C-alpha atoms as a PDB file:
ATOM      1  CA  MET A   1     150.768  74.578  91.755  1.00  0.00           C
ATOM      2  CA  SER A   2     147.600  75.395  93.695  1.00  0.00           C
ATOM      3  CA  ARG A   3     145.075  72.817  94.901  1.00  0.00           C
ATOM      4  CA  ILE A   4     142.630  74.147  92.299  1.00  0.00           C
ATOM      5  CA  GLU A   5     145.174  73.571  89.534  1.00  0.00           C
ATOM      6  CA  GLN A   6     145.971  70.096  90.859  1.00  0.00           C
ATOM      7  CA  LEU A   7     142.289  69.135  91.026  1.00  0.00           C
ATOM      8  CA  GLU A   8     141.640  70.551  87.555  1.00  0.00           C
ATOM      9  CA  GLY A   9     144.531  68.440  86.291  1.00  0.00           C
ATOM     10  CA  PHE A  10     143.187  65.316  87.996  1.00  0.00           C
ATOM     11  CA  ALA A  11     139.726  65.957  86.525  1.00  0.00           C
ATOM     12  CA  GLN A  12     141.143  66.389  83.024  1.00  0.00           C
ATOM     13  CA  ALA A  13     143.354  63.320  83.346  1.00  0.00           C
ATOM     14  CA  ASN A  14     140.457  61.177  84.631  1.00  0.00           C
ATOM     15  CA  PRO A  15     137.361  62.275  82.695  1.00  0.00           C
ATOM     16  CA  LYS A  16     135.398  59.138  83.615  1.00  0.00           C
ATOM     17  CA  ASP A  17     136.000  59.517  87.357  1.00  0.00           C
ATOM     18  CA  PRO A  18     133.614  61.859  89.182  1.00  0.00           C
ATOM     19  CA  PHE A  19     135.726  62.149  92.329  1.00  0.00           C
ATOM     20  CA  PRO A  20     138.299  64.714  91.077  1.00  0.00           C
ATOM     21  CA  ARG A  21     135.459  66.944  89.834  1.00  0.00           C
ATOM     22  CA  TYR A  22     133.726  66.544  93.187  1.00  0.00           C
ATOM     23  CA  GLY A  23     136.940  67.497  94.980  1.00  0.00           C
ATOM     24  CA  LEU A  24     137.283  70.566  92.761  1.00  0.00           C
ATOM     25  CA  ALA A  25     133.723  71.669  93.492  1.00  0.00           C
ATOM     26  CA  LEU A  26     134.300  71.204  97.238  1.00  0.00           C
ATOM     27  CA  GLU A  27     137.526  73.185  97.062  1.00  0.00           C
ATOM     28  CA  TYR A  28     135.697  76.072  95.403  1.00  0.00           C
ATOM     29  CA  LYS A  29     133.008  75.853  98.094  1.00  0.00           C
ATOM     30  CA  ASN A  30     135.567  75.836 100.886  1.00  0.00           C
ATOM     31  CA  LEU A  31     137.284  78.893  99.380  1.00  0.00           C
ATOM     32  CA  GLY A  32     133.977  80.762  99.264  1.00  0.00           C
ATOM     33  CA  ARG A  33     133.940  80.727  95.461  1.00  0.00           C
ATOM     34  CA  LEU A  34     130.298  79.730  95.437  1.00  0.00           C
ATOM     35  CA  GLU A  35     129.510  80.544  91.799  1.00  0.00           C
ATOM     36  CA  ASP A  36     132.469  78.408  90.681  1.00  0.00           C
ATOM     37  CA  ALA A  37     131.372  75.702  93.124  1.00  0.00           C
ATOM     38  CA  ILE A  38     127.822  75.549  91.825  1.00  0.00           C
ATOM     39  CA  ARG A  39     128.975  75.499  88.211  1.00  0.00           C
ATOM     40  CA  SER A  40     131.229  72.557  89.101  1.00  0.00           C
ATOM     41  CA  PHE A  41     128.482  70.730  91.010  1.00  0.00           C
ATOM     42  CA  GLN A  42     125.997  71.277  88.171  1.00  0.00           C
ATOM     43  CA  GLU A  43     128.486  69.950  85.621  1.00  0.00           C
ATOM     44  CA  LEU A  44     129.126  66.974  87.894  1.00  0.00           C
ATOM     45  CA  MET A  45     125.396  66.241  88.185  1.00  0.00           C
ATOM     46  CA  ARG A  46     124.971  66.466  84.395  1.00  0.00           C
ATOM     47  CA  THR A  47     127.996  64.312  83.620  1.00  0.00           C
ATOM     48  CA  PHE A  48     127.558  61.802  86.459  1.00  0.00           C
ATOM     49  CA  PRO A  49     123.834  61.883  87.302  1.00  0.00           C
ATOM     50  CA  ASP A  50     124.112  58.968  89.751  1.00  0.00           C
ATOM     51  CA  TYR A  51     126.999  60.441  91.763  1.00  0.00           C
ATOM     52  CA  ILE A  52     125.088  60.928  94.990  1.00  0.00           C
ATOM     53  CA  PRO A  53     127.447  63.194  97.013  1.00  0.00           C
ATOM     54  CA  SER A  54     127.076  66.064  94.558  1.00  0.00           C
ATOM     55  CA  PHE A  55     123.367  66.638  95.294  1.00  0.00           C
ATOM     56  CA  LEU A  56     123.686  67.505  98.978  1.00  0.00           C
ATOM     57  CA  HIS A  57     126.514  69.979  98.447  1.00  0.00           C
ATOM     58  CA  ALA A  58     124.934  71.511  95.353  1.00  0.00           C
ATOM     59  CA  GLY A  59     121.739  72.125  97.299  1.00  0.00           C
ATOM     60  CA  ALA A  60     123.670  73.678 100.176  1.00  0.00           C
ATOM     61  CA  VAL A  61     125.597  76.022  97.881  1.00  0.00           C
ATOM     62  CA  LEU A  62     122.437  77.028  96.038  1.00  0.00           C
ATOM     63  CA  ALA A  63     120.695  77.723  99.356  1.00  0.00           C
ATOM     64  CA  GLU A  64     123.653  79.812 100.488  1.00  0.00           C
ATOM     65  CA  LEU A  65     123.401  81.785  97.242  1.00  0.00           C
ATOM     66  CA  GLY A  66     119.715  82.417  97.981  1.00  0.00           C
ATOM     67  CA  ARG A  67     118.577  80.234  95.072  1.00  0.00           C
ATOM     68  CA  LYS A  68     116.036  78.285  97.153  1.00  0.00           C
ATOM     69  CA  ASP A  69     113.994  76.823  94.284  1.00  0.00           C
ATOM     70  CA  GLU A  70     117.122  75.441  92.645  1.00  0.00           C
ATOM     71  CA  ALA A  71     118.339  74.114  95.997  1.00  0.00           C
ATOM     72  CA  ARG A  72     115.022  72.335  96.500  1.00  0.00           C
ATOM     73  CA  ALA A  73     115.280  70.842  93.000  1.00  0.00           C
ATOM     74  CA  ALA A  74     118.829  69.600  93.684  1.00  0.00           C
ATOM     75  CA  TYR A  75     117.756  67.951  96.935  1.00  0.00           C
ATOM     76  CA  GLN A  76     114.699  66.374  95.295  1.00  0.00           C
ATOM     77  CA  ALA A  77     116.774  65.054  92.386  1.00  0.00           C
ATOM     78  CA  GLY A  78     119.207  63.568  94.892  1.00  0.00           C
ATOM     79  CA  ILE A  79     116.355  61.932  96.789  1.00  0.00           C
ATOM     80  CA  GLU A  80     115.184  60.321  93.539  1.00  0.00           C
ATOM     81  CA  VAL A  81     118.681  58.983  92.806  1.00  0.00           C
ATOM     82  CA  THR A  82     119.208  57.686  96.342  1.00  0.00           C
ATOM     83  CA  THR A  83     115.813  55.998  96.312  1.00  0.00           C
ATOM     84  CA  ARG A  84     116.582  54.288  93.012  1.00  0.00           C
ATOM     85  CA  LYS A  85     120.033  53.230  94.230  1.00  0.00           C
ATOM     86  CA  GLN A  86     118.666  52.237  97.658  1.00  0.00           C
ATOM     87  CA  ASP A  87     121.128  54.467  99.514  1.00  0.00           C
ATOM     88  CA  PHE A  88     118.864  55.162 102.464  1.00  0.00           C
ATOM     89  CA  HIS A  89     121.492  56.917 104.581  1.00  0.00           C
ATOM     90  CA  ALA A  90     122.182  59.509 101.877  1.00  0.00           C
ATOM     91  CA  ARG A  91     118.448  59.811 101.207  1.00  0.00           C
ATOM     92  CA  GLY A  92     117.911  60.641 104.877  1.00  0.00           C
ATOM     93  CA  GLU A  93     120.569  63.360 104.728  1.00  0.00           C
ATOM     94  CA  LEU A  94     118.969  64.861 101.622  1.00  0.00           C
ATOM     95  CA  GLU A  95     115.486  64.687 103.140  1.00  0.00           C
ATOM     96  CA  ALA A  96     116.746  66.438 106.279  1.00  0.00           C
ATOM     97  CA  ALA A  97     118.433  69.147 104.210  1.00  0.00           C
ATOM     98  CA  LEU A  98     115.254  69.626 102.181  1.00  0.00           C
ATOM     99  CA  ALA A  99     113.118  69.828 105.327  1.00  0.00           C
ATOM    100  CA  ASP A 100     115.501  72.411 106.785  1.00  0.00           C
ATOM    101  CA  LEU A 101     115.397  74.445 103.578  1.00  0.00           C
ATOM    102  CA  LEU A 102     111.600  74.349 103.480  1.00  0.00           C
ATOM    103  CA  SER A 103     111.308  75.311 107.160  1.00  0.00           C
ATOM    104  CA  ARG A 104     113.475  78.377 106.533  1.00  0.00           C
ATOM    105  CA  SER A 105     111.394  79.361 103.506  1.00  0.00           C
ATOM    106  CA  THR A 106     108.198  79.852 105.461  1.00  0.00           C
END
């Protein structure tokens, strides 16, 4: 059984836990399967809108795919969530990623 199959099984067995879905999305990203990764991150953000780690990686994958506007939106959504949840470390990471994205867009 591949890691993808294992992670899919974990996600199906634990539908209320975002972590297996996050792991699956990261595995797709690490394998270079960026379209699969972004679909997984987007599903994760829809299903678990307060799961902070998904925003940074979703933005990075979208930027790598050349989808800069969507990447910016992912980072900004993550900044809103981290502000509301008072996770200032994660907010700083998202703000830095957004600043980097914007500096490369000019």
